[in-house]
Amino acid sequence: MSERPGLAPAALTINAGSSSLRLASYVLDATPRCVADAHFAPAPVADAAVLTAFLAEHALPSTAIAIHRVVHGGHRLRAPCVITAEVEAEIARLKTLAPLHNGVALDWIGASRAALGANVVQAACFDTALYADLPAVAAQYALPTELSDQHQVRRYGFHGLAHQSIVRQCRYLPALGERTGKQH
């Protein structure tokens, strides 16, 4: 693969959904920026060749980290983390709670390792992390506490990564009153 000279190492993001795949590469310098992206719908089967082709097509810099969107982190995976054998096992254990997503994420983690090699860090960001610290009154269902604790039943909240992104983007929008000239 021919890389663009002078570019800092990159982060490859892999957002594997139930029916689509989004890939993007961000240069990791003083001002991280997206230098390439692709959307596949329907999603291809997880395959190192898809990632290798994406990187080669865009002549991207060497990848320092692959960051995977994982839908369900459960009780234990509450923040972005490096993917270790234990993290992978927990994602696999949670496949029954997110059957259309967690298994696909694991497949792409494996494909990413195969494409990028064992020395590239694999990390996971969880859709449920935004809601991990909900107060008990919001997180609990109307069930006996013992039953909820025993079976890890709670409101996990989903689409947290999308919600965080929307909030970040809205910060830069002018207030409603500034756009219309009216005060609300």
Protein backbone atom coordinates (compact mmCIF):
# COMPACT_ATOMS: atom_id res chain seq x y z
CA MET A 1 0.00 0.00 0.00
CA SER A 2 1.41 3.42 -0.90
CA GLU A 3 0.92 5.88 1.94
CA ARG A 4 0.63 9.63 1.68
CA PRO A 5 3.98 11.07 2.77
CA GLY A 6 4.09 13.39 5.74
CA LEU A 7 0.84 12.24 7.36
CA ALA A 8 0.83 11.30 11.02
CA PRO A 9 -0.41 7.82 11.98
CA ALA A 10 -4.14 7.28 11.71
CA ALA A 11 -7.07 5.90 13.67
CA LEU A 12 -9.36 3.58 11.74
CA THR A 13 -12.96 3.63 12.94
CA ILE A 14 -15.16 0.63 12.27
CA ASN A 15 -18.89 1.08 12.83
CA ALA A 16 -20.47 -2.27 12.05
CA GLY A 17 -24.24 -2.15 12.27
CA SER A 18 -26.83 -4.83 11.71
CA SER A 19 -27.21 -3.89 8.05
CA SER A 20 -24.41 -1.46 7.19
CA LEU A 21 -20.74 -0.77 7.71
CA ARG A 22 -19.05 2.61 8.04
CA LEU A 23 -15.30 2.98 7.89
CA ALA A 24 -13.31 6.15 8.43
CA SER A 25 -9.69 7.06 8.92
CA TYR A 26 -8.60 10.04 11.02
CA VAL A 27 -5.09 11.47 10.98
CA LEU A 28 -3.80 11.75 14.55
CA ASP A 29 -1.94 15.04 14.55
CA ALA A 30 -2.48 18.37 16.31
CA THR A 31 -5.89 18.70 14.62
CA PRO A 32 -7.33 15.19 14.09
CA ARG A 33 -9.34 15.11 10.89
CA CYS A 34 -11.13 12.59 8.75
CA VAL A 35 -9.11 11.82 5.62
CA ALA A 36 -11.25 9.01 4.19
CA ASP A 37 -14.60 7.37 4.79
CA ALA A 38 -16.83 4.76 3.23
CA HIS A 39 -20.35 3.46 3.78
CA PHE A 40 -21.42 -0.03 2.77
CA ALA A 41 -25.10 -1.00 2.67
CA PRO A 42 -25.75 -3.82 2.85
CA ALA A 43 -22.75 -4.56 5.02
CA PRO A 44 -20.16 -6.93 3.62
CA VAL A 45 -19.23 -10.00 5.63
CA ALA A 46 -16.41 -9.18 8.05
CA ASP A 47 -13.23 -9.70 6.06
CA ALA A 48 -9.70 -8.33 6.39
CA ALA A 49 -9.70 -7.78 2.60
CA VAL A 50 -12.42 -5.09 2.94
CA LEU A 51 -10.27 -3.12 5.39
CA THR A 52 -7.08 -3.63 3.40
CA ALA A 53 -8.81 -2.41 0.23
CA PHE A 54 -10.19 0.67 2.02
CA LEU A 55 -6.75 1.61 3.35
CA ALA A 56 -5.03 0.97 -0.01
CA GLU A 57 -7.67 2.81 -2.05
CA HIS A 58 -7.11 6.00 -0.06
CA ALA A 59 -3.31 5.64 0.35
CA LEU A 60 -3.76 6.15 4.07
CA PRO A 61 -0.99 6.55 6.64
CA SER A 62 -0.08 3.69 8.91
CA THR A 63 -2.86 2.85 11.34
CA ALA A 64 -1.96 3.20 15.01
CA ILE A 65 -5.35 2.20 16.42
CA ALA A 66 -8.59 0.61 15.24
CA ILE A 67 -11.66 1.84 17.12
CA HIS A 68 -14.80 -0.29 17.02
CA ARG A 69 -18.36 0.76 17.84
CA VAL A 70 -19.90 -1.95 20.00
CA VAL A 71 -23.58 -1.67 20.86
CA HIS A 72 -23.79 -3.39 24.24
CA GLY A 73 -21.24 -3.12 27.01
CA GLY A 74 -23.47 -4.37 29.81
CA HIS A 75 -22.59 -3.67 33.45
CA ARG A 76 -18.85 -4.15 33.05
CA LEU A 77 -17.89 -2.28 29.88
CA ARG A 78 -18.91 1.26 30.76
CA ALA A 79 -16.25 3.34 28.98
CA PRO A 80 -14.04 3.14 25.91
CA CYS A 81 -11.28 0.59 26.42
CA VAL A 82 -8.52 -1.39 24.78
CA ILE A 83 -9.84 -4.74 23.60
CA THR A 84 -8.23 -7.54 25.57
CA ALA A 85 -9.18 -11.21 25.66
CA GLU A 86 -11.37 -10.42 28.70
CA VAL A 87 -13.13 -7.54 26.91
CA GLU A 88 -13.75 -9.75 23.87
CA ALA A 89 -15.18 -12.48 26.10
CA GLU A 90 -17.54 -9.96 27.73
CA ILE A 91 -18.69 -8.63 24.33
CA ALA A 92 -19.33 -12.24 23.29
CA ARG A 93 -21.23 -12.94 26.53
CA LEU A 94 -23.49 -9.97 25.77
CA LYS A 95 -24.41 -11.21 22.27
CA THR A 96 -27.75 -12.44 23.62
CA LEU A 97 -28.60 -8.84 24.64
CA ALA A 98 -27.61 -7.37 21.26
CA PRO A 99 -27.82 -10.32 18.87
CA LEU A 100 -27.75 -8.26 15.66
CA HIS A 101 -24.76 -6.17 16.73
CA ASN A 102 -22.27 -7.59 19.21
CA GLY A 103 -21.48 -10.70 17.15
CA VAL A 104 -20.91 -8.57 14.05
CA ALA A 105 -18.63 -6.26 16.06
CA LEU A 106 -16.59 -9.26 17.19
CA ASP A 107 -16.28 -10.45 13.58
CA TRP A 108 -14.92 -7.03 12.53
CA ILE A 109 -12.53 -6.96 15.50
CA GLY A 110 -11.09 -10.23 14.20
CA ALA A 111 -10.97 -8.94 10.62
CA SER A 112 -9.24 -5.77 11.80
CA ARG A 113 -6.60 -7.77 13.67
CA ALA A 114 -6.01 -9.87 10.56
CA ALA A 115 -5.71 -6.80 8.30
CA LEU A 116 -3.64 -4.57 10.58
CA GLY A 117 -1.59 -7.06 12.56
CA ALA A 118 -1.27 -7.83 16.24
CA ASN A 119 0.72 -4.66 17.03
CA VAL A 120 -2.12 -2.27 16.16
CA VAL A 121 -4.20 -1.42 19.22
CA GLN A 122 -7.87 -2.43 19.00
CA ALA A 123 -10.27 -0.33 21.09
CA ALA A 124 -14.01 -0.41 21.71
CA CYS A 125 -16.54 2.35 22.33
CA PHE A 126 -19.93 1.27 23.66
CA ASP A 127 -23.32 2.72 22.77
CA THR A 128 -24.52 1.92 26.28
CA ALA A 129 -21.68 3.84 27.99
CA LEU A 130 -23.43 7.22 27.86
CA TYR A 131 -26.18 5.85 30.09
CA ALA A 132 -24.01 3.74 32.39
CA ASP A 133 -24.35 6.25 35.23
CA LEU A 134 -28.10 6.80 35.10
CA PRO A 135 -29.48 7.37 38.59
CA ALA A 136 -31.23 4.29 39.99
CA VAL A 137 -34.65 5.89 39.62
CA ALA A 138 -34.09 6.17 35.85
CA ALA A 139 -32.17 2.92 35.34
CA GLN A 140 -34.44 0.53 37.23
CA TYR A 141 -37.53 -1.12 35.86
CA ALA A 142 -40.56 -1.67 38.08
CA LEU A 143 -39.22 -5.06 39.21
CA PRO A 144 -37.99 -6.34 42.55
CA THR A 145 -34.42 -5.13 43.10
CA GLU A 146 -33.17 -8.64 43.88
CA LEU A 147 -34.50 -9.94 40.56
CA SER A 148 -33.04 -6.99 38.62
CA ASP A 149 -29.64 -7.43 40.28
CA GLN A 150 -29.59 -11.20 39.80
CA HIS A 151 -30.32 -10.96 36.06
CA GLN A 152 -28.61 -7.60 35.39
CA VAL A 153 -31.89 -6.09 34.19
CA ARG A 154 -31.78 -2.31 33.86
CA ARG A 155 -32.28 0.39 31.30
CA TYR A 156 -29.04 0.45 29.39
CA GLY A 157 -29.93 3.18 26.90
CA PHE A 158 -28.83 2.83 23.32
CA HIS A 159 -27.47 5.03 20.55
CA GLY A 160 -25.32 6.81 23.13
CA LEU A 161 -22.48 7.43 20.68
CA ALA A 162 -24.90 9.04 18.21
CA HIS A 163 -26.45 11.13 20.99
CA GLN A 164 -23.02 12.35 22.12
CA SER A 165 -22.13 13.29 18.55
CA ILE A 166 -25.37 15.25 18.08
CA VAL A 167 -24.83 17.16 21.32
CA ARG A 168 -21.25 18.04 20.29
CA GLN A 169 -22.43 19.26 16.89
CA CYS A 170 -25.31 21.28 18.35
CA ARG A 171 -22.89 23.23 20.57
CA TYR A 172 -21.74 25.03 17.47
CA LEU A 173 -25.22 26.01 16.27
CA PRO A 174 -26.41 29.51 17.09
CA ALA A 175 -29.14 29.72 19.69
CA LEU A 176 -32.67 29.70 18.28
CA GLY A 177 -33.13 33.36 19.17
CA GLU A 178 -29.95 34.32 17.31
CA ARG A 179 -31.15 32.61 14.12
CA THR A 180 -34.64 34.11 14.07
CA GLY A 181 -33.99 37.39 15.79
CA LYS A 182 -36.67 36.47 18.35
CA GLN A 183 -36.19 35.67 21.98
CA HIS A 184 -37.72 32.43 23.23
